[in-house]
Amino acid sequence: MKTRSPPILAGSGFLFFVTLRYSFPLAINAMQMKDAFPAYLGFLVGFSLFACEKHPSKRFFIEGNL
């Protein structure tokens, strides 16, 4: 059983971190929370579904969070 995550997950995780660190706080500061939050939740759910579909071993992630 591998312990290293595949490069696609590493890249997706990096993009997720960039989105979390820069885009979401900017939206909050711009007082667009009511517009940004549903899109952000959609991004989280979509990212989780994509990760679970590509790597079934990660399926516990979405089952534990939804």
PDB file of N, CA and C in Angstrom:
ATOM      1  N   MET A   1       0.839  -1.189   0.000  1.00  0.00           N
ATOM      2  CA  MET A   1       0.000   0.000   0.000  1.00  0.00           C
ATOM      3  C   MET A   1       0.884   1.254   0.000  1.00  0.00           C
ATOM      4  N   LYS A   2       0.669   2.088  -0.998  1.00  0.00           N
ATOM      5  CA  LYS A   2       1.483   3.301  -1.107  1.00  0.00           C
ATOM      6  C   LYS A   2       1.086   4.330  -0.065  1.00  0.00           C
ATOM      7  N   THR A   3       2.067   5.052   0.421  1.00  0.00           N
ATOM      8  CA  THR A   3       1.784   6.146   1.340  1.00  0.00           C
ATOM      9  C   THR A   3       1.913   7.503   0.662  1.00  0.00           C
ATOM     10  N   ARG A   4       2.603   7.565  -0.454  1.00  0.00           N
ATOM     11  CA  ARG A   4       2.716   8.836  -1.192  1.00  0.00           C
ATOM     12  C   ARG A   4       1.486   9.030  -2.059  1.00  0.00           C
ATOM     13  N   SER A   5       1.002  10.261  -2.096  1.00  0.00           N
ATOM     14  CA  SER A   5      -0.138  10.554  -2.946  1.00  0.00           C
ATOM     15  C   SER A   5       0.344  10.786  -4.381  1.00  0.00           C
ATOM     16  N   PRO A   6      -0.481  10.429  -5.345  1.00  0.00           N
ATOM     17  CA  PRO A   6      -0.113  10.638  -6.750  1.00  0.00           C
ATOM     18  C   PRO A   6       0.066  12.120  -7.076  1.00  0.00           C
ATOM     19  N   PRO A   7       0.804  12.433  -8.121  1.00  0.00           N
ATOM     20  CA  PRO A   7       1.046  13.844  -8.474  1.00  0.00           C
ATOM     21  C   PRO A   7      -0.235  14.626  -8.744  1.00  0.00           C
ATOM     22  N   ILE A   8      -1.260  13.952  -9.290  1.00  0.00           N
ATOM     23  CA  ILE A   8      -2.498  14.675  -9.587  1.00  0.00           C
ATOM     24  C   ILE A   8      -3.144  15.184  -8.306  1.00  0.00           C
ATOM     25  N   LEU A   9      -3.066  14.388  -7.244  1.00  0.00           N
ATOM     26  CA  LEU A   9      -3.631  14.839  -5.969  1.00  0.00           C
ATOM     27  C   LEU A   9      -2.784  15.950  -5.367  1.00  0.00           C
ATOM     28  N   ALA A  10      -1.470  15.864  -5.537  1.00  0.00           N
ATOM     29  CA  ALA A  10      -0.600  16.916  -5.025  1.00  0.00           C
ATOM     30  C   ALA A  10      -0.894  18.234  -5.738  1.00  0.00           C
ATOM     31  N   GLY A  11      -1.052  18.174  -7.052  1.00  0.00           N
ATOM     32  CA  GLY A  11      -1.372  19.377  -7.816  1.00  0.00           C
ATOM     33  C   GLY A  11      -2.735  19.938  -7.448  1.00  0.00           C
ATOM     34  N   SER A  12      -3.708  19.037  -7.273  1.00  0.00           N
ATOM     35  CA  SER A  12      -5.042  19.486  -6.894  1.00  0.00           C
ATOM     36  C   SER A  12      -5.024  20.091  -5.495  1.00  0.00           C
ATOM     37  N   GLY A  13      -4.250  19.482  -4.605  1.00  0.00           N
ATOM     38  CA  GLY A  13      -4.137  20.021  -3.260  1.00  0.00           C
ATOM     39  C   GLY A  13      -3.507  21.408  -3.254  1.00  0.00           C
ATOM     40  N   PHE A  14      -2.530  21.597  -4.124  1.00  0.00           N
ATOM     41  CA  PHE A  14      -1.893  22.910  -4.218  1.00  0.00           C
ATOM     42  C   PHE A  14      -2.877  23.956  -4.727  1.00  0.00           C
ATOM     43  N   LEU A  15      -3.637  23.612  -5.763  1.00  0.00           N
ATOM     44  CA  LEU A  15      -4.640  24.536  -6.283  1.00  0.00           C
ATOM     45  C   LEU A  15      -5.694  24.837  -5.225  1.00  0.00           C
ATOM     46  N   PHE A  16      -6.064  23.794  -4.462  1.00  0.00           N
ATOM     47  CA  PHE A  16      -7.027  23.988  -3.384  1.00  0.00           C
ATOM     48  C   PHE A  16      -6.487  24.957  -2.334  1.00  0.00           C
ATOM     49  N   PHE A  17      -5.214  24.782  -1.980  1.00  0.00           N
ATOM     50  CA  PHE A  17      -4.596  25.677  -0.992  1.00  0.00           C
ATOM     51  C   PHE A  17      -4.562  27.114  -1.511  1.00  0.00           C
ATOM     52  N   VAL A  18      -4.192  27.288  -2.780  1.00  0.00           N
ATOM     53  CA  VAL A  18      -4.141  28.636  -3.354  1.00  0.00           C
ATOM     54  C   VAL A  18      -5.529  29.273  -3.330  1.00  0.00           C
ATOM     55  N   THR A  19      -6.549  28.481  -3.687  1.00  0.00           N
ATOM     56  CA  THR A  19      -7.915  29.007  -3.663  1.00  0.00           C
ATOM     57  C   THR A  19      -8.327  29.382  -2.247  1.00  0.00           C
ATOM     58  N   LEU A  20      -7.997  28.518  -1.294  1.00  0.00           N
ATOM     59  CA  LEU A  20      -8.367  28.775   0.095  1.00  0.00           C
ATOM     60  C   LEU A  20      -7.647  29.998   0.636  1.00  0.00           C
ATOM     61  N   ARG A  21      -6.365  30.126   0.296  1.00  0.00           N
ATOM     62  CA  ARG A  21      -5.537  31.177   0.893  1.00  0.00           C
ATOM     63  C   ARG A  21      -5.813  32.558   0.293  1.00  0.00           C
ATOM     64  N   TYR A  22      -6.088  32.612  -1.018  1.00  0.00           N
ATOM     65  CA  TYR A  22      -6.180  33.906  -1.685  1.00  0.00           C
ATOM     66  C   TYR A  22      -7.598  34.272  -2.137  1.00  0.00           C
ATOM     67  N   SER A  23      -8.271  33.385  -2.821  1.00  0.00           N
ATOM     68  CA  SER A  23      -9.561  33.751  -3.407  1.00  0.00           C
ATOM     69  C   SER A  23     -10.640  33.949  -2.354  1.00  0.00           C
ATOM     70  N   PHE A  24     -10.735  32.991  -1.421  1.00  0.00           N
ATOM     71  CA  PHE A  24     -11.834  33.060  -0.455  1.00  0.00           C
ATOM     72  C   PHE A  24     -11.715  34.250   0.494  1.00  0.00           C
ATOM     73  N   PRO A  25     -10.543  34.521   1.098  1.00  0.00           N
ATOM     74  CA  PRO A  25     -10.439  35.719   1.941  1.00  0.00           C
ATOM     75  C   PRO A  25     -10.700  37.020   1.177  1.00  0.00           C
ATOM     76  N   LEU A  26     -10.299  37.081  -0.085  1.00  0.00           N
ATOM     77  CA  LEU A  26     -10.579  38.271  -0.887  1.00  0.00           C
ATOM     78  C   LEU A  26     -12.079  38.458  -1.055  1.00  0.00           C
ATOM     79  N   ALA A  27     -12.784  37.367  -1.266  1.00  0.00           N
ATOM     80  CA  ALA A  27     -14.232  37.459  -1.409  1.00  0.00           C
ATOM     81  C   ALA A  27     -14.881  37.943  -0.114  1.00  0.00           C
ATOM     82  N   ILE A  28     -14.368  37.457   1.012  1.00  0.00           N
ATOM     83  CA  ILE A  28     -14.901  37.906   2.295  1.00  0.00           C
ATOM     84  C   ILE A  28     -14.624  39.398   2.486  1.00  0.00           C
ATOM     85  N   ASN A  29     -13.419  39.831   2.164  1.00  0.00           N
ATOM     86  CA  ASN A  29     -13.062  41.239   2.342  1.00  0.00           C
ATOM     87  C   ASN A  29     -13.875  42.150   1.433  1.00  0.00           C
ATOM     88  N   ALA A  30     -14.274  41.629   0.280  1.00  0.00           N
ATOM     89  CA  ALA A  30     -15.056  42.432  -0.661  1.00  0.00           C
ATOM     90  C   ALA A  30     -16.549  42.399  -0.349  1.00  0.00           C
ATOM     91  N   MET A  31     -16.923  41.779   0.794  1.00  0.00           N
ATOM     92  CA  MET A  31     -18.321  41.685   1.212  1.00  0.00           C
ATOM     93  C   MET A  31     -19.186  40.960   0.175  1.00  0.00           C
ATOM     94  N   GLN A  32     -18.605  39.949  -0.467  1.00  0.00           N
ATOM     95  CA  GLN A  32     -19.359  39.157  -1.444  1.00  0.00           C
ATOM     96  C   GLN A  32     -19.604  37.750  -0.904  1.00  0.00           C
ATOM     97  N   MET A  33     -19.686  37.628   0.398  1.00  0.00           N
ATOM     98  CA  MET A  33     -19.810  36.325   1.031  1.00  0.00           C
ATOM     99  C   MET A  33     -21.030  35.573   0.520  1.00  0.00           C
ATOM    100  N   LYS A  34     -22.156  36.272   0.389  1.00  0.00           N
ATOM    101  CA  LYS A  34     -23.388  35.594  -0.018  1.00  0.00           C
ATOM    102  C   LYS A  34     -23.285  35.059  -1.445  1.00  0.00           C
ATOM    103  N   ASP A  35     -22.415  35.651  -2.281  1.00  0.00           N
ATOM    104  CA  ASP A  35     -22.237  35.163  -3.643  1.00  0.00           C
ATOM    105  C   ASP A  35     -21.118  34.132  -3.727  1.00  0.00           C
ATOM    106  N   ALA A  36     -20.089  34.306  -2.907  1.00  0.00           N
ATOM    107  CA  ALA A  36     -18.920  33.439  -3.026  1.00  0.00           C
ATOM    108  C   ALA A  36     -19.101  32.119  -2.302  1.00  0.00           C
ATOM    109  N   PHE A  37     -19.853  32.111  -1.217  1.00  0.00           N
ATOM    110  CA  PHE A  37     -19.909  30.902  -0.391  1.00  0.00           C
ATOM    111  C   PHE A  37     -20.527  29.701  -1.108  1.00  0.00           C
ATOM    112  N   PRO A  38     -21.666  29.850  -1.823  1.00  0.00           N
ATOM    113  CA  PRO A  38     -22.202  28.687  -2.544  1.00  0.00           C
ATOM    114  C   PRO A  38     -21.237  28.151  -3.606  1.00  0.00           C
ATOM    115  N   ALA A  39     -20.554  29.047  -4.289  1.00  0.00           N
ATOM    116  CA  ALA A  39     -19.591  28.606  -5.298  1.00  0.00           C
ATOM    117  C   ALA A  39     -18.421  27.888  -4.632  1.00  0.00           C
ATOM    118  N   TYR A  40     -18.007  28.385  -3.482  1.00  0.00           N
ATOM    119  CA  TYR A  40     -16.907  27.748  -2.762  1.00  0.00           C
ATOM    120  C   TYR A  40     -17.306  26.359  -2.271  1.00  0.00           C
ATOM    121  N   LEU A  41     -18.531  26.244  -1.756  1.00  0.00           N
ATOM    122  CA  LEU A  41     -19.017  24.930  -1.334  1.00  0.00           C
ATOM    123  C   LEU A  41     -19.111  23.984  -2.526  1.00  0.00           C
ATOM    124  N   GLY A  42     -19.576  24.495  -3.653  1.00  0.00           N
ATOM    125  CA  GLY A  42     -19.633  23.678  -4.861  1.00  0.00           C
ATOM    126  C   GLY A  42     -18.256  23.209  -5.284  1.00  0.00           C
ATOM    127  N   PHE A  43     -17.273  24.086  -5.157  1.00  0.00           N
ATOM    128  CA  PHE A  43     -15.902  23.708  -5.483  1.00  0.00           C
ATOM    129  C   PHE A  43     -15.415  22.608  -4.550  1.00  0.00           C
ATOM    130  N   LEU A  44     -15.696  22.740  -3.251  1.00  0.00           N
ATOM    131  CA  LEU A  44     -15.271  21.724  -2.289  1.00  0.00           C
ATOM    132  C   LEU A  44     -15.899  20.372  -2.606  1.00  0.00           C
ATOM    133  N   VAL A  45     -17.210  20.365  -2.869  1.00  0.00           N
ATOM    134  CA  VAL A  45     -17.904  19.099  -3.153  1.00  0.00           C
ATOM    135  C   VAL A  45     -17.398  18.507  -4.457  1.00  0.00           C
ATOM    136  N   GLY A  46     -17.220  19.337  -5.473  1.00  0.00           N
ATOM    137  CA  GLY A  46     -16.720  18.855  -6.753  1.00  0.00           C
ATOM    138  C   GLY A  46     -15.316  18.298  -6.641  1.00  0.00           C
ATOM    139  N   PHE A  47     -14.467  18.980  -5.901  1.00  0.00           N
ATOM    140  CA  PHE A  47     -13.099  18.499  -5.696  1.00  0.00           C
ATOM    141  C   PHE A  47     -13.105  17.163  -4.968  1.00  0.00           C
ATOM    142  N   SER A  48     -13.958  17.045  -3.941  1.00  0.00           N
ATOM    143  CA  SER A  48     -14.035  15.803  -3.178  1.00  0.00           C
ATOM    144  C   SER A  48     -14.521  14.660  -4.054  1.00  0.00           C
ATOM    145  N   LEU A  49     -15.555  14.926  -4.847  1.00  0.00           N
ATOM    146  CA  LEU A  49     -16.086  13.879  -5.728  1.00  0.00           C
ATOM    147  C   LEU A  49     -15.044  13.456  -6.752  1.00  0.00           C
ATOM    148  N   PHE A  50     -14.320  14.430  -7.312  1.00  0.00           N
ATOM    149  CA  PHE A  50     -13.296  14.107  -8.303  1.00  0.00           C
ATOM    150  C   PHE A  50     -12.201  13.254  -7.686  1.00  0.00           C
ATOM    151  N   ALA A  51     -11.736  13.640  -6.502  1.00  0.00           N
ATOM    152  CA  ALA A  51     -10.669  12.889  -5.834  1.00  0.00           C
ATOM    153  C   ALA A  51     -11.127  11.479  -5.498  1.00  0.00           C
ATOM    154  N   CYS A  52     -12.382  11.350  -5.041  1.00  0.00           N
ATOM    155  CA  CYS A  52     -12.880  10.028  -4.660  1.00  0.00           C
ATOM    156  C   CYS A  52     -13.116   9.154  -5.891  1.00  0.00           C
ATOM    157  N   GLU A  53     -13.536   9.772  -6.990  1.00  0.00           N
ATOM    158  CA  GLU A  53     -13.793   8.989  -8.194  1.00  0.00           C
ATOM    159  C   GLU A  53     -12.492   8.478  -8.799  1.00  0.00           C
ATOM    160  N   LYS A  54     -11.458   9.314  -8.771  1.00  0.00           N
ATOM    161  CA  LYS A  54     -10.185   8.907  -9.348  1.00  0.00           C
ATOM    162  C   LYS A  54      -9.418   7.960  -8.439  1.00  0.00           C
ATOM    163  N   HIS A  55      -9.619   8.090  -7.116  1.00  0.00           N
ATOM    164  CA  HIS A  55      -8.875   7.266  -6.154  1.00  0.00           C
ATOM    165  C   HIS A  55      -9.848   6.712  -5.117  1.00  0.00           C
ATOM    166  N   PRO A  56     -10.423   5.523  -5.391  1.00  0.00           N
ATOM    167  CA  PRO A  56     -11.454   4.967  -4.499  1.00  0.00           C
ATOM    168  C   PRO A  56     -10.978   4.787  -3.059  1.00  0.00           C
ATOM    169  N   SER A  57      -9.674   4.691  -2.839  1.00  0.00           N
ATOM    170  CA  SER A  57      -9.177   4.533  -1.470  1.00  0.00           C
ATOM    171  C   SER A  57      -9.433   5.788  -0.634  1.00  0.00           C
ATOM    172  N   LYS A  58      -9.709   6.920  -1.305  1.00  0.00           N
ATOM    173  CA  LYS A  58      -9.958   8.168  -0.599  1.00  0.00           C
ATOM    174  C   LYS A  58     -11.450   8.385  -0.330  1.00  0.00           C
ATOM    175  N   ARG A  59     -12.258   7.357  -0.557  1.00  0.00           N
ATOM    176  CA  ARG A  59     -13.705   7.535  -0.483  1.00  0.00           C
ATOM    177  C   ARG A  59     -14.167   7.895   0.933  1.00  0.00           C
ATOM    178  N   PHE A  60     -13.405   7.515   1.937  1.00  0.00           N
ATOM    179  CA  PHE A  60     -13.782   7.851   3.317  1.00  0.00           C
ATOM    180  C   PHE A  60     -13.843   9.365   3.522  1.00  0.00           C
ATOM    181  N   PHE A  61     -13.107  10.112   2.702  1.00  0.00           N
ATOM    182  CA  PHE A  61     -13.053  11.564   2.864  1.00  0.00           C
ATOM    183  C   PHE A  61     -14.436  12.184   2.675  1.00  0.00           C
ATOM    184  N   ILE A  62     -15.095  11.808   1.583  1.00  0.00           N
ATOM    185  CA  ILE A  62     -16.386  12.429   1.303  1.00  0.00           C
ATOM    186  C   ILE A  62     -17.474  11.839   2.191  1.00  0.00           C
ATOM    187  N   GLU A  63     -17.356  10.550   2.555  1.00  0.00           N
ATOM    188  CA  GLU A  63     -18.362   9.965   3.431  1.00  0.00           C
ATOM    189  C   GLU A  63     -18.291  10.582   4.824  1.00  0.00           C
ATOM    190  N   GLY A  64     -17.091  10.969   5.237  1.00  0.00           N
ATOM    191  CA  GLY A  64     -16.948  11.552   6.565  1.00  0.00           C
ATOM    192  C   GLY A  64     -17.365  13.008   6.637  1.00  0.00           C
ATOM    193  N   ASN A  65     -17.404  13.701   5.477  1.00  0.00           N
ATOM    194  CA  ASN A  65     -17.650  15.143   5.491  1.00  0.00           C
ATOM    195  C   ASN A  65     -19.016  15.554   4.970  1.00  0.00           C
ATOM    196  N   LEU A  66     -19.766  14.628   4.400  1.00  0.00           N
ATOM    197  CA  LEU A  66     -21.087  15.004   3.882  1.00  0.00           C
ATOM    198  C   LEU A  66     -22.195  14.331   4.673  1.00  0.00           C
TER     199      LEU A  66
END
